[in-house]
């Protein structure tokens, strides 16, 4: 089980998504999972998410738009970590974010 679950809700965020996800996957702290909920995006968000192929990342797909709060709640239900970190699809993490927050 990972120590940290990073939760990200995504809706039509293709413009920012690659940089946001890359910043999570590049963390100095390695004991985490990333759960991304694609909230029925109509842009390239889902294909961008699927292109990563990182085993620490799980994608949940909504077939109708439910909103950010319900998307985060779905991710929280699936979370296995002791701690949860919230990330927006247009945010970029500092490389030591999780390391510092866990400490």
PDB file of N, CA and C in Angstrom:
ATOM      1  N   UNK A   1       0.832  -1.193   0.000  1.00  0.00           N
ATOM      2  CA  UNK A   1       0.000   0.000   0.000  1.00  0.00           C
ATOM      3  C   UNK A   1       0.877   1.257   0.000  1.00  0.00           C
ATOM      4  N   UNK A   2       0.533   2.219  -0.838  1.00  0.00           N
ATOM      5  CA  UNK A   2       1.297   3.462  -0.847  1.00  0.00           C
ATOM      6  C   UNK A   2       1.002   4.286   0.406  1.00  0.00           C
ATOM      7  N   UNK A   3       1.955   5.055   0.808  1.00  0.00           N
ATOM      8  CA  UNK A   3       1.772   5.920   1.978  1.00  0.00           C
ATOM      9  C   UNK A   3       0.903   7.135   1.641  1.00  0.00           C
ATOM     10  N   UNK A   4       1.022   7.625   0.419  1.00  0.00           N
ATOM     11  CA  UNK A   4       0.314   8.832  -0.002  1.00  0.00           C
ATOM     12  C   UNK A   4      -0.509   8.531  -1.252  1.00  0.00           C
ATOM     13  N   UNK A   5      -1.723   9.047  -1.274  1.00  0.00           N
ATOM     14  CA  UNK A   5      -2.536   9.047  -2.487  1.00  0.00           C
ATOM     15  C   UNK A   5      -2.672  10.482  -2.953  1.00  0.00           C
ATOM     16  N   UNK A   6      -2.296  10.732  -4.191  1.00  0.00           N
ATOM     17  CA  UNK A   6      -2.495  12.038  -4.811  1.00  0.00           C
ATOM     18  C   UNK A   6      -3.764  11.935  -5.645  1.00  0.00           C
ATOM     19  N   UNK A   7      -4.688  12.861  -5.416  1.00  0.00           N
ATOM     20  CA  UNK A   7      -5.995  12.859  -6.067  1.00  0.00           C
ATOM     21  C   UNK A   7      -6.067  14.052  -7.012  1.00  0.00           C
ATOM     22  N   UNK A   8      -6.480  13.764  -8.269  1.00  0.00           N
ATOM     23  CA  UNK A   8      -6.609  14.836  -9.256  1.00  0.00           C
ATOM     24  C   UNK A   8      -7.916  14.658 -10.035  1.00  0.00           C
ATOM     25  N   UNK A   9      -8.747  15.684 -10.033  1.00  0.00           N
ATOM     26  CA  UNK A   9      -9.947  15.707 -10.858  1.00  0.00           C
ATOM     27  C   UNK A   9      -9.631  16.479 -12.134  1.00  0.00           C
ATOM     28  N   UNK A  10     -10.058  15.934 -13.274  1.00  0.00           N
ATOM     29  CA  UNK A  10      -9.721  16.529 -14.566  1.00  0.00           C
ATOM     30  C   UNK A  10     -10.984  16.731 -15.391  1.00  0.00           C
ATOM     31  N   UNK A  11     -11.140  17.935 -15.921  1.00  0.00           N
ATOM     32  CA  UNK A  11     -12.196  18.193 -16.895  1.00  0.00           C
ATOM     33  C   UNK A  11     -11.653  19.152 -17.951  1.00  0.00           C
ATOM     34  N   UNK A  12     -11.478  18.657 -19.147  1.00  0.00           N
ATOM     35  CA  UNK A  12     -11.002  19.462 -20.277  1.00  0.00           C
ATOM     36  C   UNK A  12      -9.763  20.284 -19.911  1.00  0.00           C
ATOM     37  N   UNK A  13      -8.757  19.589 -19.439  1.00  0.00           N
ATOM     38  CA  UNK A  13      -7.529  20.251 -18.983  1.00  0.00           C
ATOM     39  C   UNK A  13      -6.317  19.890 -19.840  1.00  0.00           C
ATOM     40  N   UNK A  14      -6.542  19.492 -21.080  1.00  0.00           N
ATOM     41  CA  UNK A  14      -5.455  19.022 -21.943  1.00  0.00           C
ATOM     42  C   UNK A  14      -4.293  20.011 -22.016  1.00  0.00           C
ATOM     43  N   UNK A  15      -4.599  21.275 -22.004  1.00  0.00           N
ATOM     44  CA  UNK A  15      -3.567  22.308 -22.136  1.00  0.00           C
ATOM     45  C   UNK A  15      -2.535  22.246 -21.004  1.00  0.00           C
ATOM     46  N   UNK A  16      -2.950  21.827 -19.814  1.00  0.00           N
ATOM     47  CA  UNK A  16      -2.075  21.851 -18.636  1.00  0.00           C
ATOM     48  C   UNK A  16      -1.703  20.455 -18.121  1.00  0.00           C
ATOM     49  N   UNK A  17      -2.416  19.450 -18.561  1.00  0.00           N
ATOM     50  CA  UNK A  17      -2.399  18.147 -17.910  1.00  0.00           C
ATOM     51  C   UNK A  17      -1.054  17.441 -17.941  1.00  0.00           C
ATOM     52  N   UNK A  18      -0.372  17.441 -19.055  1.00  0.00           N
ATOM     53  CA  UNK A  18       0.902  16.732 -19.143  1.00  0.00           C
ATOM     54  C   UNK A  18       1.900  17.274 -18.112  1.00  0.00           C
ATOM     55  N   UNK A  19       1.984  18.578 -17.999  1.00  0.00           N
ATOM     56  CA  UNK A  19       2.910  19.185 -17.044  1.00  0.00           C
ATOM     57  C   UNK A  19       2.483  18.879 -15.604  1.00  0.00           C
ATOM     58  N   UNK A  20       1.187  18.910 -15.331  1.00  0.00           N
ATOM     59  CA  UNK A  20       0.695  18.633 -13.980  1.00  0.00           C
ATOM     60  C   UNK A  20       1.003  17.198 -13.564  1.00  0.00           C
ATOM     61  N   UNK A  21       0.676  16.241 -14.416  1.00  0.00           N
ATOM     62  CA  UNK A  21       0.918  14.835 -14.085  1.00  0.00           C
ATOM     63  C   UNK A  21       2.409  14.546 -13.989  1.00  0.00           C
ATOM     64  N   UNK A  22       3.179  15.074 -14.909  1.00  0.00           N
ATOM     65  CA  UNK A  22       4.634  14.876 -14.869  1.00  0.00           C
ATOM     66  C   UNK A  22       5.224  15.384 -13.560  1.00  0.00           C
ATOM     67  N   UNK A  23       4.707  16.494 -13.060  1.00  0.00           N
ATOM     68  CA  UNK A  23       5.240  17.045 -11.807  1.00  0.00           C
ATOM     69  C   UNK A  23       4.929  16.142 -10.614  1.00  0.00           C
ATOM     70  N   UNK A  24       3.844  15.389 -10.676  1.00  0.00           N
ATOM     71  CA  UNK A  24       3.550  14.428  -9.611  1.00  0.00           C
ATOM     72  C   UNK A  24       4.447  13.207  -9.750  1.00  0.00           C
ATOM     73  N   UNK A  25       4.550  12.675 -10.946  1.00  0.00           N
ATOM     74  CA  UNK A  25       5.329  11.456 -11.153  1.00  0.00           C
ATOM     75  C   UNK A  25       6.826  11.666 -10.921  1.00  0.00           C
ATOM     76  N   UNK A  26       7.290  12.907 -10.965  1.00  0.00           N
ATOM     77  CA  UNK A  26       8.708  13.218 -10.767  1.00  0.00           C
ATOM     78  C   UNK A  26       9.054  13.541  -9.315  1.00  0.00           C
ATOM     79  N   UNK A  27       8.168  13.263  -8.391  1.00  0.00           N
ATOM     80  CA  UNK A  27       8.405  13.590  -6.980  1.00  0.00           C
ATOM     81  C   UNK A  27       9.628  12.861  -6.422  1.00  0.00           C
ATOM     82  N   UNK A  28      10.337  13.531  -5.519  1.00  0.00           N
ATOM     83  CA  UNK A  28      11.463  12.886  -4.839  1.00  0.00           C
ATOM     84  C   UNK A  28      10.961  11.816  -3.878  1.00  0.00           C
ATOM     85  N   UNK A  29       9.790  12.003  -3.326  1.00  0.00           N
ATOM     86  CA  UNK A  29       9.150  11.003  -2.475  1.00  0.00           C
ATOM     87  C   UNK A  29       8.455  10.014  -3.402  1.00  0.00           C
ATOM     88  N   UNK A  30       8.767   8.727  -3.282  1.00  0.00           N
ATOM     89  CA  UNK A  30       8.313   7.751  -4.272  1.00  0.00           C
ATOM     90  C   UNK A  30       7.147   6.868  -3.823  1.00  0.00           C
ATOM     91  N   UNK A  31       6.801   6.882  -2.543  1.00  0.00           N
ATOM     92  CA  UNK A  31       5.790   5.955  -2.027  1.00  0.00           C
ATOM     93  C   UNK A  31       4.396   6.584  -2.144  1.00  0.00           C
ATOM     94  N   UNK A  32       3.909   6.674  -3.385  1.00  0.00           N
ATOM     95  CA  UNK A  32       2.606   7.289  -3.614  1.00  0.00           C
ATOM     96  C   UNK A  32       1.902   6.611  -4.789  1.00  0.00           C
ATOM     97  N   UNK A  33       0.590   6.838  -4.833  1.00  0.00           N
ATOM     98  CA  UNK A  33      -0.206   6.506  -6.003  1.00  0.00           C
ATOM     99  C   UNK A  33      -0.873   7.792  -6.458  1.00  0.00           C
ATOM    100  N   UNK A  34      -1.168   7.861  -7.734  1.00  0.00           N
ATOM    101  CA  UNK A  34      -1.865   9.011  -8.304  1.00  0.00           C
ATOM    102  C   UNK A  34      -3.177   8.498  -8.880  1.00  0.00           C
ATOM    103  N   UNK A  35      -4.281   8.985  -8.337  1.00  0.00           N
ATOM    104  CA  UNK A  35      -5.593   8.632  -8.859  1.00  0.00           C
ATOM    105  C   UNK A  35      -6.170   9.858  -9.558  1.00  0.00           C
ATOM    106  N   UNK A  36      -6.406   9.707 -10.857  1.00  0.00           N
ATOM    107  CA  UNK A  36      -6.926  10.795 -11.671  1.00  0.00           C
ATOM    108  C   UNK A  36      -8.334  10.432 -12.121  1.00  0.00           C
ATOM    109  N   UNK A  37      -9.270  11.331 -11.887  1.00  0.00           N
ATOM    110  CA  UNK A  37     -10.640  11.128 -12.355  1.00  0.00           C
ATOM    111  C   UNK A  37     -10.868  12.056 -13.541  1.00  0.00           C
ATOM    112  N   UNK A  38     -11.052  11.453 -14.717  1.00  0.00           N
ATOM    113  CA  UNK A  38     -11.405  12.222 -15.895  1.00  0.00           C
ATOM    114  C   UNK A  38     -12.922  12.374 -15.889  1.00  0.00           C
ATOM    115  N   UNK A  39     -13.374  13.590 -15.705  1.00  0.00           N
ATOM    116  CA  UNK A  39     -14.795  13.870 -15.509  1.00  0.00           C
ATOM    117  C   UNK A  39     -15.505  14.134 -16.837  1.00  0.00           C
ATOM    118  N   UNK A  40     -15.422  13.145 -17.736  1.00  0.00           N
ATOM    119  CA  UNK A  40     -16.097  13.197 -19.033  1.00  0.00           C
ATOM    120  C   UNK A  40     -15.560  14.333 -19.906  1.00  0.00           C
ATOM    121  N   UNK A  41     -14.240  14.445 -19.953  1.00  0.00           N
ATOM    122  CA  UNK A  41     -13.626  15.479 -20.790  1.00  0.00           C
ATOM    123  C   UNK A  41     -13.940  15.237 -22.257  1.00  0.00           C
ATOM    124  N   UNK A  42     -14.092  16.332 -23.015  1.00  0.00           N
ATOM    125  CA  UNK A  42     -14.328  16.225 -24.445  1.00  0.00           C
ATOM    126  C   UNK A  42     -13.098  16.627 -25.260  1.00  0.00           C
ATOM    127  N   UNK A  43     -12.019  16.989 -24.586  1.00  0.00           N
ATOM    128  CA  UNK A  43     -10.771  17.320 -25.273  1.00  0.00           C
ATOM    129  C   UNK A  43      -9.851  16.089 -25.226  1.00  0.00           C
ATOM    130  N   UNK A  44      -8.565  16.274 -25.325  1.00  0.00           N
ATOM    131  CA  UNK A  44      -7.604  15.169 -25.347  1.00  0.00           C
ATOM    132  C   UNK A  44      -7.134  14.737 -23.957  1.00  0.00           C
ATOM    133  N   UNK A  45      -7.809  15.169 -22.912  1.00  0.00           N
ATOM    134  CA  UNK A  45      -7.363  14.853 -21.547  1.00  0.00           C
ATOM    135  C   UNK A  45      -7.194  13.353 -21.320  1.00  0.00           C
ATOM    136  N   UNK A  46      -8.163  12.551 -21.694  1.00  0.00           N
ATOM    137  CA  UNK A  46      -8.085  11.113 -21.444  1.00  0.00           C
ATOM    138  C   UNK A  46      -6.914  10.484 -22.182  1.00  0.00           C
ATOM    139  N   UNK A  47      -6.706  10.822 -23.433  1.00  0.00           N
ATOM    140  CA  UNK A  47      -5.589  10.232 -24.176  1.00  0.00           C
ATOM    141  C   UNK A  47      -4.248  10.672 -23.595  1.00  0.00           C
ATOM    142  N   UNK A  48      -4.164  11.889 -23.117  1.00  0.00           N
ATOM    143  CA  UNK A  48      -2.931  12.349 -22.458  1.00  0.00           C
ATOM    144  C   UNK A  48      -2.681  11.517 -21.205  1.00  0.00           C
ATOM    145  N   UNK A  49      -3.710  11.315 -20.395  1.00  0.00           N
ATOM    146  CA  UNK A  49      -3.561  10.506 -19.186  1.00  0.00           C
ATOM    147  C   UNK A  49      -3.122   9.088 -19.521  1.00  0.00           C
ATOM    148  N   UNK A  50      -3.736   8.493 -20.519  1.00  0.00           N
ATOM    149  CA  UNK A  50      -3.413   7.115 -20.892  1.00  0.00           C
ATOM    150  C   UNK A  50      -2.013   6.982 -21.464  1.00  0.00           C
ATOM    151  N   UNK A  51      -1.443   8.059 -21.956  1.00  0.00           N
ATOM    152  CA  UNK A  51      -0.110   8.003 -22.559  1.00  0.00           C
ATOM    153  C   UNK A  51       1.003   7.804 -21.534  1.00  0.00           C
ATOM    154  N   UNK A  52       0.737   8.050 -20.260  1.00  0.00           N
ATOM    155  CA  UNK A  52       1.792   7.940 -19.257  1.00  0.00           C
ATOM    156  C   UNK A  52       2.185   6.495 -18.971  1.00  0.00           C
ATOM    157  N   UNK A  53       1.238   5.615 -18.824  1.00  0.00           N
ATOM    158  CA  UNK A  53       1.558   4.213 -18.590  1.00  0.00           C
ATOM    159  C   UNK A  53       2.377   3.962 -17.341  1.00  0.00           C
ATOM    160  N   UNK A  54       2.243   4.786 -16.329  1.00  0.00           N
ATOM    161  CA  UNK A  54       2.984   4.616 -15.076  1.00  0.00           C
ATOM    162  C   UNK A  54       2.157   3.758 -14.126  1.00  0.00           C
ATOM    163  N   UNK A  55       2.726   2.699 -13.550  1.00  0.00           N
ATOM    164  CA  UNK A  55       1.945   1.809 -12.678  1.00  0.00           C
ATOM    165  C   UNK A  55       1.445   2.472 -11.395  1.00  0.00           C
ATOM    166  N   UNK A  56       2.003   3.611 -11.020  1.00  0.00           N
ATOM    167  CA  UNK A  56       1.534   4.322  -9.827  1.00  0.00           C
ATOM    168  C   UNK A  56       0.272   5.122 -10.090  1.00  0.00           C
ATOM    169  N   UNK A  57      -0.124   5.198 -11.347  1.00  0.00           N
ATOM    170  CA  UNK A  57      -1.241   6.049 -11.757  1.00  0.00           C
ATOM    171  C   UNK A  57      -2.445   5.193 -12.125  1.00  0.00           C
ATOM    172  N   UNK A  58      -3.600   5.563 -11.556  1.00  0.00           N
ATOM    173  CA  UNK A  58      -4.869   4.917 -11.906  1.00  0.00           C
ATOM    174  C   UNK A  58      -5.815   5.975 -12.438  1.00  0.00           C
ATOM    175  N   UNK A  59      -6.553   5.626 -13.470  1.00  0.00           N
ATOM    176  CA  UNK A  59      -7.497   6.552 -14.095  1.00  0.00           C
ATOM    177  C   UNK A  59      -8.906   6.029 -13.882  1.00  0.00           C
ATOM    178  N   UNK A  60      -9.759   6.906 -13.385  1.00  0.00           N
ATOM    179  CA  UNK A  60     -11.186   6.624 -13.277  1.00  0.00           C
ATOM    180  C   UNK A  60     -11.874   7.537 -14.285  1.00  0.00           C
ATOM    181  N   UNK A  61     -12.752   6.971 -15.091  1.00  0.00           N
ATOM    182  CA  UNK A  61     -13.421   7.758 -16.142  1.00  0.00           C
ATOM    183  C   UNK A  61     -14.903   7.892 -15.846  1.00  0.00           C
ATOM    184  N   UNK A  62     -15.373   9.131 -15.783  1.00  0.00           N
ATOM    185  CA  UNK A  62     -16.812   9.388 -15.697  1.00  0.00           C
ATOM    186  C   UNK A  62     -17.355   9.523 -17.118  1.00  0.00           C
ATOM    187  N   UNK A  63     -18.509   8.959 -17.364  1.00  0.00           N
ATOM    188  CA  UNK A  63     -19.115   9.063 -18.690  1.00  0.00           C
ATOM    189  C   UNK A  63     -20.059  10.254 -18.802  1.00  0.00           C
ATOM    190  N   UNK A  64     -20.377  10.871 -17.662  1.00  0.00           N
ATOM    191  CA  UNK A  64     -21.094  12.148 -17.649  1.00  0.00           C
ATOM    192  C   UNK A  64     -20.380  13.056 -16.664  1.00  0.00           C
ATOM    193  N   UNK A  65     -20.432  14.332 -16.917  1.00  0.00           N
ATOM    194  CA  UNK A  65     -19.743  15.287 -16.058  1.00  0.00           C
ATOM    195  C   UNK A  65     -20.438  15.362 -14.703  1.00  0.00           C
ATOM    196  N   UNK A  66     -19.668  15.109 -13.631  1.00  0.00           N
ATOM    197  CA  UNK A  66     -20.211  15.090 -12.270  1.00  0.00           C
ATOM    198  C   UNK A  66     -19.730  16.285 -11.444  1.00  0.00           C
ATOM    199  N   UNK A  67     -18.717  16.973 -11.893  1.00  0.00           N
ATOM    200  CA  UNK A  67     -18.163  18.095 -11.148  1.00  0.00           C
ATOM    201  C   UNK A  67     -16.946  17.684 -10.335  1.00  0.00           C
ATOM    202  N   UNK A  68     -16.168  18.677  -9.962  1.00  0.00           N
ATOM    203  CA  UNK A  68     -14.894  18.426  -9.276  1.00  0.00           C
ATOM    204  C   UNK A  68     -15.073  17.749  -7.919  1.00  0.00           C
ATOM    205  N   UNK A  69     -16.055  18.178  -7.139  1.00  0.00           N
ATOM    206  CA  UNK A  69     -16.235  17.615  -5.789  1.00  0.00           C
ATOM    207  C   UNK A  69     -16.569  16.126  -5.847  1.00  0.00           C
ATOM    208  N   UNK A  70     -17.515  15.734  -6.691  1.00  0.00           N
ATOM    209  CA  UNK A  70     -17.862  14.317  -6.801  1.00  0.00           C
ATOM    210  C   UNK A  70     -16.718  13.515  -7.408  1.00  0.00           C
ATOM    211  N   UNK A  71     -15.981  14.108  -8.319  1.00  0.00           N
ATOM    212  CA  UNK A  71     -14.819  13.418  -8.893  1.00  0.00           C
ATOM    213  C   UNK A  71     -13.769  13.153  -7.826  1.00  0.00           C
ATOM    214  N   UNK A  72     -13.490  14.149  -7.006  1.00  0.00           N
ATOM    215  CA  UNK A  72     -12.533  13.942  -5.908  1.00  0.00           C
ATOM    216  C   UNK A  72     -13.048  12.889  -4.925  1.00  0.00           C
ATOM    217  N   UNK A  73     -14.333  12.914  -4.642  1.00  0.00           N
ATOM    218  CA  UNK A  73     -14.906  11.905  -3.738  1.00  0.00           C
ATOM    219  C   UNK A  73     -14.733  10.501  -4.299  1.00  0.00           C
ATOM    220  N   UNK A  74     -14.929  10.313  -5.598  1.00  0.00           N
ATOM    221  CA  UNK A  74     -14.706   8.998  -6.208  1.00  0.00           C
ATOM    222  C   UNK A  74     -13.258   8.566  -6.050  1.00  0.00           C
ATOM    223  N   UNK A  75     -12.347   9.500  -6.229  1.00  0.00           N
ATOM    224  CA  UNK A  75     -10.928   9.179  -6.062  1.00  0.00           C
ATOM    225  C   UNK A  75     -10.627   8.817  -4.607  1.00  0.00           C
ATOM    226  N   UNK A  76     -11.242   9.518  -3.674  1.00  0.00           N
ATOM    227  CA  UNK A  76     -11.014   9.220  -2.256  1.00  0.00           C
ATOM    228  C   UNK A  76     -11.512   7.828  -1.884  1.00  0.00           C
ATOM    229  N   UNK A  77     -12.606   7.396  -2.475  1.00  0.00           N
ATOM    230  CA  UNK A  77     -13.115   6.046  -2.228  1.00  0.00           C
ATOM    231  C   UNK A  77     -12.090   5.010  -2.709  1.00  0.00           C
ATOM    232  N   UNK A  78     -11.427   5.292  -3.816  1.00  0.00           N
ATOM    233  CA  UNK A  78     -10.447   4.361  -4.384  1.00  0.00           C
ATOM    234  C   UNK A  78      -9.066   4.468  -3.737  1.00  0.00           C
ATOM    235  N   UNK A  79      -8.843   5.516  -2.947  1.00  0.00           N
ATOM    236  CA  UNK A  79      -7.520   5.775  -2.356  1.00  0.00           C
ATOM    237  C   UNK A  79      -7.099   4.674  -1.383  1.00  0.00           C
ATOM    238  N   UNK A  80      -5.809   4.334  -1.435  1.00  0.00           N
ATOM    239  CA  UNK A  80      -5.247   3.338  -0.527  1.00  0.00           C
ATOM    240  C   UNK A  80      -4.216   3.941   0.424  1.00  0.00           C
ATOM    241  N   UNK A  81      -3.860   5.191   0.232  1.00  0.00           N
ATOM    242  CA  UNK A  81      -2.809   5.806   1.031  1.00  0.00           C
ATOM    243  C   UNK A  81      -3.251   6.196   2.430  1.00  0.00           C
ATOM    244  N   UNK A  82      -2.267   6.305   3.293  1.00  0.00           N
ATOM    245  CA  UNK A  82      -2.501   6.795   4.658  1.00  0.00           C
ATOM    246  C   UNK A  82      -2.809   8.297   4.628  1.00  0.00           C
ATOM    247  N   UNK A  83      -2.136   9.004   3.732  1.00  0.00           N
ATOM    248  CA  UNK A  83      -2.323  10.439   3.563  1.00  0.00           C
ATOM    249  C   UNK A  83      -2.869  10.714   2.167  1.00  0.00           C
ATOM    250  N   UNK A  84      -3.590  11.837   2.017  1.00  0.00           N
ATOM    251  CA  UNK A  84      -4.125  12.245   0.728  1.00  0.00           C
ATOM    252  C   UNK A  84      -3.620  13.651   0.407  1.00  0.00           C
ATOM    253  N   UNK A  85      -3.144  13.820  -0.815  1.00  0.00           N
ATOM    254  CA  UNK A  85      -2.734  15.128  -1.324  1.00  0.00           C
ATOM    255  C   UNK A  85      -3.653  15.475  -2.490  1.00  0.00           C
ATOM    256  N   UNK A  86      -4.195  16.666  -2.470  1.00  0.00           N
ATOM    257  CA  UNK A  86      -5.095  17.122  -3.534  1.00  0.00           C
ATOM    258  C   UNK A  86      -4.292  17.920  -4.556  1.00  0.00           C
ATOM    259  N   UNK A  87      -4.561  17.641  -5.809  1.00  0.00           N
ATOM    260  CA  UNK A  87      -3.851  18.297  -6.907  1.00  0.00           C
ATOM    261  C   UNK A  87      -4.883  18.698  -7.945  1.00  0.00           C
ATOM    262  N   UNK A  88      -4.797  19.910  -8.453  1.00  0.00           N
ATOM    263  CA  UNK A  88      -5.664  20.327  -9.551  1.00  0.00           C
ATOM    264  C   UNK A  88      -4.960  20.053 -10.873  1.00  0.00           C
ATOM    265  N   UNK A  89      -5.730  19.888 -11.921  1.00  0.00           N
ATOM    266  CA  UNK A  89      -5.189  19.513 -13.227  1.00  0.00           C
ATOM    267  C   UNK A  89      -4.354  20.614 -13.865  1.00  0.00           C
ATOM    268  N   UNK A  90      -4.456  21.828 -13.353  1.00  0.00           N
ATOM    269  CA  UNK A  90      -3.648  22.922 -13.893  1.00  0.00           C
ATOM    270  C   UNK A  90      -2.576  23.391 -12.913  1.00  0.00           C
ATOM    271  N   UNK A  91      -2.294  22.560 -11.903  1.00  0.00           N
ATOM    272  CA  UNK A  91      -1.239  22.859 -10.927  1.00  0.00           C
ATOM    273  C   UNK A  91       0.055  22.146 -11.309  1.00  0.00           C
ATOM    274  N   UNK A  92       1.157  22.642 -10.772  1.00  0.00           N
ATOM    275  CA  UNK A  92       2.452  21.993 -10.920  1.00  0.00           C
ATOM    276  C   UNK A  92       3.052  21.862  -9.528  1.00  0.00           C
ATOM    277  N   UNK A  93       3.449  20.643  -9.178  1.00  0.00           N
ATOM    278  CA  UNK A  93       4.049  20.381  -7.858  1.00  0.00           C
ATOM    279  C   UNK A  93       5.534  20.688  -7.861  1.00  0.00           C
ATOM    280  N   UNK A  94       6.018  21.248  -6.778  1.00  0.00           N
ATOM    281  CA  UNK A  94       7.458  21.289  -6.565  1.00  0.00           C
ATOM    282  C   UNK A  94       7.934  19.849  -6.405  1.00  0.00           C
ATOM    283  N   UNK A  95       9.132  19.523  -6.844  1.00  0.00           N
ATOM    284  CA  UNK A  95       9.627  18.139  -6.817  1.00  0.00           C
ATOM    285  C   UNK A  95       9.644  17.543  -5.424  1.00  0.00           C
ATOM    286  N   UNK A  96       9.748  18.380  -4.398  1.00  0.00           N
ATOM    287  CA  UNK A  96       9.821  17.878  -3.022  1.00  0.00           C
ATOM    288  C   UNK A  96       8.512  18.043  -2.259  1.00  0.00           C
ATOM    289  N   UNK A  97       7.438  18.340  -2.946  1.00  0.00           N
ATOM    290  CA  UNK A  97       6.163  18.592  -2.268  1.00  0.00           C
ATOM    291  C   UNK A  97       5.770  17.449  -1.332  1.00  0.00           C
ATOM    292  N   UNK A  98       5.671  16.235  -1.857  1.00  0.00           N
ATOM    293  CA  UNK A  98       5.215  15.115  -1.028  1.00  0.00           C
ATOM    294  C   UNK A  98       6.210  14.796   0.069  1.00  0.00           C
ATOM    295  N   UNK A  99       7.483  14.843  -0.249  1.00  0.00           N
ATOM    296  CA  UNK A  99       8.527  14.579   0.749  1.00  0.00           C
ATOM    297  C   UNK A  99       8.388  15.536   1.942  1.00  0.00           C
ATOM    298  N   UNK A 100       8.186  16.790   1.652  1.00  0.00           N
ATOM    299  CA  UNK A 100       8.075  17.801   2.707  1.00  0.00           C
ATOM    300  C   UNK A 100       6.773  17.663   3.482  1.00  0.00           C
ATOM    301  N   UNK A 101       5.682  17.352   2.767  1.00  0.00           N
ATOM    302  CA  UNK A 101       4.405  17.231   3.452  1.00  0.00           C
ATOM    303  C   UNK A 101       4.341  15.981   4.322  1.00  0.00           C
ATOM    304  N   UNK A 102       4.933  14.890   3.884  1.00  0.00           N
ATOM    305  CA  UNK A 102       4.941  13.667   4.701  1.00  0.00           C
ATOM    306  C   UNK A 102       5.798  13.882   5.954  1.00  0.00           C
ATOM    307  N   UNK A 103       6.927  14.580   5.778  1.00  0.00           N
ATOM    308  CA  UNK A 103       7.816  14.846   6.924  1.00  0.00           C
ATOM    309  C   UNK A 103       7.108  15.742   7.926  1.00  0.00           C
TER     310      UNK A 103
END
